[in-house]
Amino acid sequence: MNDTAGAAAPDQRHARNDKNQNEPLMAFRFVHTADIHLDSPLRSLSLRNRELAELIGDSTRQALVAIVDLCLSEQVDALVIAGDLYDGDQTSMKTARFLAAQMQRLGQAGIAVYAIRGNHDALSRITQELILPPTVKVYSGRAEAVEIERGGLAIAIHGLSFARPQAPEGLLPKYRPPLPDRVNIGIMHTSLDGAPGHDVYAPCSLADLHASGFDYWALGHIHQRSQHDGRTTVVMPGMPQGRDINEGGTKSVSLVTVHDDRRISVEERLTSIAEFGRVAVDLSEAPSWFDAVEAIEKAVAGARVRSGSDHLVARLMLTGRTPLSWRIRRDRDLLLAEAEQRAEGLGRTWIEKIDIATEPPLEAGGQASADPLIELDALMRDDVARRHATREEIRQMVKDLRDELPPESRGFTGADEAEFEAYVDRLLAEGSSDVIARLKTDGAEAN
């Protein structure tokens, strides 16, 4: 990417300030985003459906298009990208051409782009080779501030890129001090004090950011949105598009307005094309297979209504005591097929996977059933699965499998040691139940 200063926007874009003389003037407006991870490879092994895989595979591009569309419709002055525009060692020139076309759309409208490189950008070959329009400013590895004038306000936009994918030390001391008599906006890629699932990168504290004298800190790196108001407005916009179930929920960008009195207001604007979400389904009141499918459809329909994105990608979490428990485990593939069919009828709704945590019902009086298979299940859970040798063997098998997979597919075991151990526990528990489910005869099951 080239390091050039963003060009000023055409005067006609600021005619919006004259629409209503009774409204406060909006001196400077920009969209703040980060962690787009353009053309990120699929991270979920569960996307067996080709149409779903194509949707998710193209979703980061569609999110960038949505961001550019928002900039154009809101007639903002600038787009601020706080790192990780790319996703690692990208080599596709199709990605480069697509990005250049979107930046050109902004440039033709006189919208400047201010971007820094994050840890993933530092790995990208495109970062070093791509030539973008002169309206795009990419900050170098040396801190600098671009000074501009908008709506009668003097503004300084500070940025600093990192050339390597590791930044174990804080970058805040490297930034220039805030410029006097200017609205100072800082762009930084940082893990702050740390976050689960994220590498430590240019750590710093919120207290230090609030004490920096800046008016707004545009952060990136952590994929979950957060906003901290005070003397300084500090915003981590999160990513504009999730890529798997661990990046669930609606995703967005921040539309920031610097008013003529230097007051700053922030609006969250939805950008995700597809939204991942866990959908809980209690099957305690589902005595038959038909009832279970109906309960699943009702729960997914509710999640579809609550979703703010065009598409919902749901992982079903089945719970409750039901006489169907064994059959659900044994015929998981059939239940998944029926759930997918019901989801398709809802429109733009997909079932990514089914997680099963159901249990067989208790007998009268609350006692566990005398069924010998249930007793065998309890023995496997409480005795065999808890043996140190068994657990260690399973742990090593999981580690070997995880280490054989590409980096983007290793997240299924969790983000840290505690999550890994919890995954092993769940694997042992579900494994015994799956074995019992296959031993259960049809005659012992409810219809």
Protein backbone atom coordinates (compact mmCIF):
# COMPACT_ATOMS: atom_id res chain seq x y z
CA MET A 1 0.00 0.00 0.00
CA ASN A 2 1.25 3.45 -0.76
CA ASP A 3 1.88 6.06 1.94
CA THR A 4 0.19 9.22 0.61
CA ALA A 5 -1.81 12.02 2.19
CA GLY A 6 -5.60 11.95 1.90
CA ALA A 7 -6.98 14.60 -0.43
CA ALA A 8 -9.51 17.14 0.68
CA ALA A 9 -13.17 16.49 -0.07
CA PRO A 10 -15.06 18.59 -2.64
CA ASP A 11 -16.83 21.60 -1.19
CA GLN A 12 -20.23 20.48 -2.46
CA ARG A 13 -20.26 17.58 0.04
CA HIS A 14 -20.45 20.04 2.89
CA ALA A 15 -23.68 21.54 1.61
CA ARG A 16 -25.35 19.22 4.16
CA ASN A 17 -24.35 21.70 6.87
CA ASP A 18 -26.65 24.29 5.33
CA LYS A 19 -29.79 22.15 5.25
CA ASN A 20 -31.22 23.53 8.45
CA GLN A 21 -29.75 26.60 10.12
CA ASN A 22 -31.36 25.56 13.42
CA GLU A 23 -29.35 22.32 13.58
CA PRO A 24 -25.81 22.30 14.99
CA LEU A 25 -23.13 22.12 12.33
CA MET A 26 -21.28 18.84 11.87
CA ALA A 27 -17.77 19.99 11.21
CA PHE A 28 -16.16 16.60 10.57
CA ARG A 29 -17.65 13.13 10.13
CA PHE A 30 -15.95 9.83 9.57
CA VAL A 31 -16.59 6.09 9.65
CA HIS A 32 -14.30 4.12 11.95
CA THR A 33 -13.73 0.42 11.27
CA ALA A 34 -11.05 -2.23 11.83
CA ASP A 35 -10.36 -5.95 11.45
CA ILE A 36 -12.07 -6.45 8.11
CA HIS A 37 -9.75 -9.40 7.35
CA LEU A 38 -10.54 -9.13 3.68
CA ASP A 39 -10.91 -12.50 1.93
CA SER A 40 -10.24 -14.38 5.14
CA PRO A 41 -10.26 -18.17 4.55
CA LEU A 42 -13.14 -20.16 6.00
CA ARG A 43 -12.49 -20.87 9.68
CA SER A 44 -15.28 -23.37 10.36
CA LEU A 45 -15.11 -27.07 9.54
CA SER A 46 -18.91 -27.21 9.85
CA LEU A 47 -19.75 -25.24 6.72
CA ARG A 48 -20.55 -28.34 4.68
CA ASN A 49 -23.27 -26.56 2.72
CA ARG A 50 -21.70 -25.18 -0.46
CA GLU A 51 -24.06 -22.21 -0.66
CA LEU A 52 -23.35 -21.34 2.96
CA ALA A 53 -19.61 -21.67 2.41
CA GLU A 54 -19.85 -19.32 -0.58
CA LEU A 55 -21.88 -16.82 1.47
CA ILE A 56 -19.38 -16.75 4.33
CA GLY A 57 -16.42 -16.85 1.96
CA ASP A 58 -17.62 -13.66 0.28
CA SER A 59 -18.94 -11.95 3.42
CA THR A 60 -15.83 -9.88 4.21
CA ARG A 61 -15.97 -8.35 0.73
CA GLN A 62 -19.66 -7.62 1.14
CA ALA A 63 -18.95 -6.00 4.50
CA LEU A 64 -16.37 -3.69 2.90
CA VAL A 65 -18.88 -2.79 0.19
CA ALA A 66 -21.42 -2.00 2.92
CA ILE A 67 -18.86 0.23 4.66
CA VAL A 68 -18.13 2.14 1.47
CA ASP A 69 -21.86 2.44 0.76
CA LEU A 70 -22.35 3.89 4.24
CA CYS A 71 -19.57 6.43 3.68
CA LEU A 72 -21.17 7.53 0.42
CA SER A 73 -24.75 7.69 1.71
CA GLU A 74 -23.74 9.63 4.83
CA GLN A 75 -21.42 11.90 2.81
CA VAL A 76 -18.69 11.57 5.41
CA ASP A 77 -15.33 13.27 5.17
CA ALA A 78 -13.21 10.18 5.79
CA LEU A 79 -12.97 6.45 6.40
CA VAL A 80 -10.61 5.43 9.24
CA ILE A 81 -9.28 1.84 9.18
CA ALA A 82 -7.52 0.87 12.41
CA GLY A 83 -5.61 -2.14 11.11
CA ASP A 84 -6.07 -5.71 9.82
CA LEU A 85 -7.64 -4.77 6.54
CA TYR A 86 -6.10 -8.00 5.21
CA ASP A 87 -5.84 -11.47 6.69
CA GLY A 88 -2.24 -12.58 6.76
CA ASP A 89 -0.09 -13.61 3.83
CA GLN A 90 -2.51 -12.77 1.04
CA THR A 91 -1.20 -13.33 -2.48
CA SER A 92 -4.35 -12.96 -4.60
CA MET A 93 -4.33 -9.98 -6.93
CA LYS A 94 -8.12 -10.38 -7.12
CA THR A 95 -8.17 -9.13 -3.54
CA ALA A 96 -5.94 -6.23 -4.53
CA ARG A 97 -8.11 -5.25 -7.47
CA PHE A 98 -11.27 -5.47 -5.40
CA LEU A 99 -9.83 -3.28 -2.67
CA ALA A 100 -8.50 -0.74 -5.16
CA ALA A 101 -11.94 -0.50 -6.79
CA GLN A 102 -13.62 0.21 -3.44
CA MET A 103 -11.02 2.82 -2.52
CA GLN A 104 -11.54 4.41 -5.94
CA ARG A 105 -15.27 4.73 -5.22
CA LEU A 106 -14.41 6.73 -2.12
CA GLY A 107 -11.78 8.78 -3.90
CA GLN A 108 -14.19 9.77 -6.65
CA ALA A 109 -16.55 11.11 -3.98
CA GLY A 110 -13.72 13.06 -2.33
CA ILE A 111 -13.73 10.86 0.78
CA ALA A 112 -10.28 10.44 2.28
CA VAL A 113 -9.06 7.19 3.83
CA TYR A 114 -6.70 7.05 6.81
CA ALA A 115 -5.37 3.57 7.56
CA ILE A 116 -2.74 1.90 9.70
CA ARG A 117 -1.27 -1.58 9.34
CA GLY A 118 -2.17 -4.17 11.99
CA ASN A 119 -0.46 -7.44 12.83
CA HIS A 120 -2.20 -9.30 9.99
CA ASP A 121 -1.44 -6.54 7.48
CA ALA A 122 2.25 -6.83 8.34
CA LEU A 123 2.18 -10.38 6.97
CA SER A 124 0.45 -9.45 3.72
CA ARG A 125 2.40 -9.19 0.49
CA ILE A 126 -0.40 -7.04 -0.94
CA THR A 127 0.35 -4.48 1.77
CA GLN A 128 3.76 -3.91 0.24
CA GLU A 129 2.76 -4.02 -3.44
CA LEU A 130 -0.69 -2.46 -3.82
CA ILE A 131 -0.93 1.08 -5.21
CA LEU A 132 -4.04 2.93 -4.06
CA PRO A 133 -5.57 6.29 -5.02
CA PRO A 134 -3.92 9.46 -3.66
CA THR A 135 -6.94 9.97 -1.36
CA VAL A 136 -5.69 7.03 0.72
CA LYS A 137 -3.19 7.73 3.49
CA VAL A 138 -1.43 4.69 4.95
CA TYR A 139 0.71 5.53 7.96
CA SER A 140 4.27 4.23 8.05
CA GLY A 141 6.23 2.70 10.92
CA ARG A 142 7.08 6.19 12.14
CA ALA A 143 4.36 8.09 13.99
CA GLU A 144 3.00 11.11 12.18
CA ALA A 145 0.00 13.43 12.21
CA VAL A 146 -1.94 14.62 9.16
CA GLU A 147 -3.40 18.09 9.68
CA ILE A 148 -6.59 19.10 7.88
CA GLU A 149 -9.27 21.81 8.10
CA ARG A 150 -12.99 20.95 8.06
CA GLY A 151 -16.02 23.05 8.84
CA GLY A 152 -13.95 25.68 10.58
CA LEU A 153 -12.17 23.13 12.76
CA ALA A 154 -8.47 22.28 12.75
CA ILE A 155 -8.00 18.51 12.97
CA ALA A 156 -4.95 16.29 13.42
CA ILE A 157 -5.22 12.58 12.58
CA HIS A 158 -2.38 10.61 14.17
CA GLY A 159 -1.31 7.13 13.09
CA LEU A 160 1.42 4.55 13.38
CA SER A 161 1.79 1.21 11.57
CA PHE A 162 3.88 -1.71 12.69
CA ALA A 163 6.03 -3.51 10.17
CA ARG A 164 6.07 -6.88 11.97
CA PRO A 165 3.24 -9.13 13.15
CA GLN A 166 4.45 -8.88 16.77
CA ALA A 167 4.37 -5.77 18.95
CA PRO A 168 4.97 -6.89 22.55
CA GLU A 169 5.61 -3.34 23.75
CA GLY A 170 3.15 -0.46 23.85
CA LEU A 171 3.06 1.97 20.94
CA LEU A 172 1.43 4.91 22.74
CA PRO A 173 4.75 6.55 23.75
CA LYS A 174 5.77 6.61 20.09
CA TYR A 175 2.82 8.83 19.06
CA ARG A 176 3.31 12.54 18.75
CA PRO A 177 1.76 14.61 21.56
CA PRO A 178 -1.62 16.13 20.75
CA LEU A 179 -1.29 19.25 18.64
CA PRO A 180 -2.55 22.41 20.37
CA ASP A 181 -5.79 24.05 19.22
CA ARG A 182 -6.72 21.01 17.15
CA VAL A 183 -9.11 18.09 17.46
CA ASN A 184 -6.68 15.19 17.85
CA ILE A 185 -7.75 11.79 16.56
CA GLY A 186 -5.46 8.80 17.12
CA ILE A 187 -5.53 5.51 15.20
CA MET A 188 -3.98 2.52 16.99
CA HIS A 189 -4.01 -1.28 16.66
CA THR A 190 -3.82 -2.64 20.20
CA SER A 191 -4.96 -5.48 22.44
CA LEU A 192 -5.44 -2.94 25.27
CA ASP A 193 -5.06 -4.86 28.55
CA GLY A 194 -5.66 -8.15 26.77
CA ALA A 195 -8.71 -10.04 25.52
CA PRO A 196 -9.55 -13.77 25.24
CA GLY A 197 -8.72 -15.18 21.81
CA HIS A 198 -6.46 -12.28 20.81
CA ASP A 199 -2.69 -12.13 20.76
CA VAL A 200 -1.04 -9.46 22.91
CA TYR A 201 -0.32 -6.62 20.52
CA ALA A 202 0.90 -3.14 21.43
CA PRO A 203 -0.70 -3.30 24.90
CA CYS A 204 -1.85 -0.15 26.66
CA SER A 205 -4.41 0.81 29.29
CA LEU A 206 -7.61 2.77 28.91
CA ALA A 207 -6.37 5.09 31.65
CA ASP A 208 -3.34 5.96 29.54
CA LEU A 209 -5.51 6.65 26.50
CA HIS A 210 -7.82 8.90 28.51
CA ALA A 211 -4.80 10.75 29.87
CA SER A 212 -3.21 11.20 26.44
CA GLY A 213 -4.92 14.50 25.69
CA PHE A 214 -6.45 13.15 22.47
CA ASP A 215 -10.11 13.75 21.68
CA TYR A 216 -10.82 10.37 20.03
CA TRP A 217 -8.94 7.09 19.85
CA ALA A 218 -9.87 4.89 16.88
CA LEU A 219 -8.73 1.42 17.94
CA GLY A 220 -8.56 -1.98 16.28
CA HIS A 221 -7.51 -5.60 16.98
CA ILE A 222 -10.20 -6.85 19.41
CA HIS A 223 -13.15 -8.22 17.45
CA GLN A 224 -15.79 -7.30 20.05
CA ARG A 225 -17.19 -3.76 20.04
CA SER A 226 -16.63 -1.50 23.06
CA GLN A 227 -16.89 2.23 23.72
CA HIS A 228 -15.42 4.19 26.63
CA ASP A 229 -16.47 7.82 27.03
CA GLY A 230 -14.79 10.47 29.14
CA ARG A 231 -12.25 13.19 28.49
CA THR A 232 -11.29 11.09 25.49
CA THR A 233 -13.72 8.96 23.51
CA VAL A 234 -12.14 5.52 23.04
CA VAL A 235 -13.83 3.14 20.60
CA MET A 236 -12.99 -0.40 19.60
CA PRO A 237 -15.50 -0.90 16.75
CA GLY A 238 -15.18 -4.68 16.62
CA MET A 239 -15.08 -6.41 13.26
CA PRO A 240 -17.65 -5.54 10.59
CA GLN A 241 -18.31 -9.19 9.71
CA GLY A 242 -17.99 -12.34 11.81
CA ARG A 243 -16.36 -15.41 10.28
CA ASP A 244 -17.44 -18.25 12.57
CA ILE A 245 -19.57 -19.05 15.61
CA ASN A 246 -16.97 -17.58 17.98
CA GLU A 247 -17.45 -14.21 16.28
CA GLY A 248 -21.22 -14.26 16.70
CA GLY A 249 -23.76 -11.48 16.87
CA THR A 250 -24.40 -8.48 14.68
CA LYS A 251 -21.27 -6.65 13.57
CA SER A 252 -20.92 -2.96 12.88
CA VAL A 253 -18.81 0.14 12.36
CA SER A 254 -18.85 3.50 14.13
CA LEU A 255 -20.13 6.67 12.51
CA VAL A 256 -18.37 9.50 14.33
CA THR A 257 -19.34 13.16 14.27
CA VAL A 258 -17.08 15.95 15.53
CA HIS A 259 -19.41 18.92 16.05
CA ASP A 260 -18.37 22.52 15.60
CA ASP A 261 -18.07 22.87 19.40
CA ARG A 262 -15.62 19.88 19.41
CA ARG A 263 -18.23 17.64 21.01
CA ILE A 264 -17.98 14.07 19.68
CA SER A 265 -20.91 11.72 19.12
CA VAL A 266 -20.74 8.10 18.03
CA GLU A 267 -23.38 5.98 16.29
CA GLU A 268 -23.17 2.23 15.73
CA ARG A 269 -24.12 1.20 12.18
CA LEU A 270 -24.75 -2.43 11.18
CA THR A 271 -22.55 -3.88 8.42
CA SER A 272 -22.61 -7.68 8.81
CA ILE A 273 -24.15 -9.58 5.91
CA ALA A 274 -24.32 -12.84 7.84
CA GLU A 275 -24.69 -13.15 11.61
CA PHE A 276 -23.54 -16.21 13.54
CA GLY A 277 -25.54 -17.08 16.64
CA ARG A 278 -26.06 -19.89 19.16
CA VAL A 279 -29.74 -20.80 19.45
CA ALA A 280 -30.81 -22.63 22.63
CA VAL A 281 -33.62 -25.18 22.24
CA ASP A 282 -35.14 -26.80 25.35
CA LEU A 283 -36.61 -30.16 24.38
CA SER A 284 -38.05 -30.99 27.82
CA GLU A 285 -41.57 -30.61 26.41
CA ALA A 286 -40.83 -32.52 23.20
CA PRO A 287 -41.91 -36.18 23.66
CA SER A 288 -41.88 -36.98 19.91
CA TRP A 289 -39.55 -36.41 16.97
CA PHE A 290 -42.13 -34.10 15.37
CA ASP A 291 -42.35 -32.05 18.58
CA ALA A 292 -38.55 -31.71 18.64
CA VAL A 293 -38.44 -30.44 15.06
CA GLU A 294 -41.26 -28.00 15.81
CA ALA A 295 -39.44 -26.69 18.88
CA ILE A 296 -36.28 -26.20 16.82
CA GLU A 297 -38.14 -24.28 14.12
CA LYS A 298 -39.82 -22.03 16.71
CA ALA A 299 -36.51 -21.21 18.39
CA VAL A 300 -34.74 -20.51 15.10
CA ALA A 301 -37.65 -18.36 13.87
CA GLY A 302 -37.35 -16.25 17.04
CA ALA A 303 -33.62 -15.84 16.51
CA ARG A 304 -34.25 -14.89 12.88
CA VAL A 305 -36.60 -12.09 13.99
CA ARG A 306 -34.06 -10.77 16.50
CA SER A 307 -31.20 -10.86 14.01
CA GLY A 308 -30.23 -7.56 12.43
CA SER A 309 -28.28 -9.06 9.52
CA ASP A 310 -29.52 -10.26 6.15
CA HIS A 311 -28.55 -13.86 6.94
CA LEU A 312 -28.57 -15.86 10.17
CA VAL A 313 -26.16 -18.78 10.62
CA ALA A 314 -27.36 -20.70 13.68
CA ARG A 315 -25.72 -23.33 15.86
CA LEU A 316 -28.42 -25.27 17.70
CA MET A 317 -27.82 -25.99 21.41
CA LEU A 318 -30.24 -28.79 22.37
CA THR A 319 -30.91 -29.22 26.10
CA GLY A 320 -33.47 -30.74 28.47
CA ARG A 321 -34.60 -34.17 29.63
CA THR A 322 -36.46 -35.98 26.87
CA PRO A 323 -37.17 -39.61 25.93
CA LEU A 324 -35.69 -38.69 22.54
CA SER A 325 -32.24 -38.09 24.00
CA TRP A 326 -30.66 -41.32 22.74
CA ARG A 327 -32.32 -41.10 19.33
CA ILE A 328 -31.27 -37.47 18.84
CA ARG A 329 -27.64 -38.43 19.41
CA ARG A 330 -27.82 -41.47 17.19
CA ASP A 331 -29.70 -39.71 14.36
CA ARG A 332 -28.06 -36.32 14.64
CA ASP A 333 -27.59 -36.20 10.85
CA LEU A 334 -31.30 -36.76 10.22
CA LEU A 335 -32.28 -34.09 12.73
CA LEU A 336 -29.80 -31.69 11.14
CA ALA A 337 -31.33 -32.32 7.71
CA GLU A 338 -34.83 -31.60 9.02
CA ALA A 339 -33.65 -28.50 10.85
CA GLU A 340 -31.94 -27.24 7.68
CA GLN A 341 -35.17 -27.74 5.73
CA ARG A 342 -37.21 -25.79 8.29
CA ALA A 343 -34.57 -23.03 8.34
CA GLU A 344 -34.65 -22.79 4.57
CA GLY A 345 -38.40 -22.18 4.78
CA LEU A 346 -37.76 -19.21 7.08
CA GLY A 347 -35.59 -17.56 4.42
CA ARG A 348 -31.92 -16.52 4.62
CA THR A 349 -31.45 -18.79 7.62
CA TRP A 350 -28.85 -21.54 7.90
CA ILE A 351 -28.05 -24.28 10.41
CA GLU A 352 -24.30 -24.57 10.90
CA LYS A 353 -24.21 -27.38 13.47
CA ILE A 354 -26.14 -29.12 16.25
CA ASP A 355 -24.67 -29.41 19.77
CA ILE A 356 -26.49 -31.93 21.97
CA ALA A 357 -26.69 -31.71 25.76
CA THR A 358 -30.00 -33.53 26.27
CA GLU A 359 -30.49 -36.23 28.92
CA PRO A 360 -32.98 -39.08 29.30
CA PRO A 361 -35.90 -38.38 31.69
CA LEU A 362 -35.83 -39.34 35.35
CA GLU A 363 -38.15 -41.98 36.69
CA ALA A 364 -40.94 -41.19 39.15
CA GLY A 365 -39.54 -39.81 42.38
CA GLY A 366 -36.62 -38.15 40.65
CA GLN A 367 -34.45 -41.27 40.61
CA ALA A 368 -32.28 -42.15 37.67
CA SER A 369 -33.67 -44.84 35.42
CA ALA A 370 -32.76 -48.47 36.13
CA ASP A 371 -32.04 -48.94 32.42
CA PRO A 372 -28.71 -50.81 32.26
CA LEU A 373 -27.54 -48.63 29.38
CA ILE A 374 -28.06 -45.53 31.51
CA GLU A 375 -26.06 -47.18 34.27
CA LEU A 376 -23.34 -47.96 31.72
CA ASP A 377 -23.40 -44.31 30.60
CA ALA A 378 -22.97 -43.15 34.19
CA LEU A 379 -20.10 -45.60 34.68
CA MET A 380 -18.34 -44.33 31.55
CA ARG A 381 -18.78 -40.71 32.60
CA ASP A 382 -17.89 -41.08 36.28
CA ASP A 383 -15.23 -43.77 36.19
CA VAL A 384 -13.64 -44.44 32.80
CA ALA A 385 -13.66 -40.84 31.54
CA ARG A 386 -12.14 -39.55 34.78
CA ARG A 387 -9.19 -41.90 34.74
CA HIS A 388 -5.98 -39.96 34.28
CA ALA A 389 -4.64 -42.24 31.56
CA THR A 390 -7.87 -42.03 29.54
CA ARG A 391 -8.02 -38.27 29.78
CA GLU A 392 -4.36 -37.84 28.86
CA GLU A 393 -4.76 -40.06 25.82
CA ILE A 394 -7.75 -38.06 24.62
CA ARG A 395 -5.96 -34.76 25.29
CA GLN A 396 -3.01 -35.85 23.20
CA MET A 397 -5.25 -37.03 20.36
CA VAL A 398 -7.01 -33.65 20.30
CA LYS A 399 -3.70 -31.77 20.36
CA ASP A 400 -2.30 -33.88 17.53
CA LEU A 401 -5.40 -33.26 15.42
CA ARG A 402 -5.40 -29.53 16.18
CA ASP A 403 -1.73 -29.14 15.32
CA GLU A 404 -2.23 -30.85 11.94
CA LEU A 405 -4.85 -28.28 10.91
CA PRO A 406 -4.12 -24.90 9.31
CA PRO A 407 -4.02 -21.99 11.82
CA GLU A 408 -7.44 -20.63 10.81
CA SER A 409 -9.11 -23.96 11.71
CA ARG A 410 -7.63 -24.53 15.19
CA GLY A 411 -10.10 -22.44 17.18
CA PHE A 412 -12.48 -25.32 17.93
CA THR A 413 -10.41 -26.29 21.02
CA GLY A 414 -10.72 -22.83 22.58
CA ALA A 415 -8.61 -19.72 22.98
CA ASP A 416 -6.60 -20.73 26.07
CA GLU A 417 -5.69 -23.69 28.28
CA ALA A 418 -8.85 -23.45 30.39
CA GLU A 419 -11.07 -23.55 27.31
CA PHE A 420 -9.05 -26.47 25.94
CA GLU A 421 -9.58 -28.47 29.15
CA ALA A 422 -13.31 -27.66 29.07
CA TYR A 423 -13.41 -28.89 25.48
CA VAL A 424 -11.79 -32.19 26.51
CA ASP A 425 -14.35 -32.57 29.33
CA ARG A 426 -17.19 -32.00 26.90
CA LEU A 427 -15.69 -34.42 24.41
CA LEU A 428 -15.44 -37.17 27.01
CA ALA A 429 -19.02 -36.62 28.21
CA GLU A 430 -20.52 -36.46 24.74
CA GLY A 431 -18.46 -39.40 23.57
CA SER A 432 -19.92 -41.74 26.17
CA SER A 433 -23.45 -40.59 25.41
CA ASP A 434 -22.92 -41.10 21.68
CA VAL A 435 -21.71 -44.66 22.28
CA ILE A 436 -24.77 -45.45 24.40
CA ALA A 437 -27.08 -43.88 21.80
CA ARG A 438 -25.85 -46.36 19.22
CA LEU A 439 -26.46 -49.27 21.59
CA LYS A 440 -30.03 -48.21 22.26
CA THR A 441 -32.61 -50.24 20.34
CA ASP A 442 -35.49 -48.69 18.48
CA GLY A 443 -37.99 -50.52 20.66
CA ALA A 444 -36.76 -48.66 23.73
CA GLU A 445 -37.29 -45.21 22.21
CA ALA A 446 -40.30 -42.94 22.06
CA ASN A 447 -41.77 -42.34 18.64
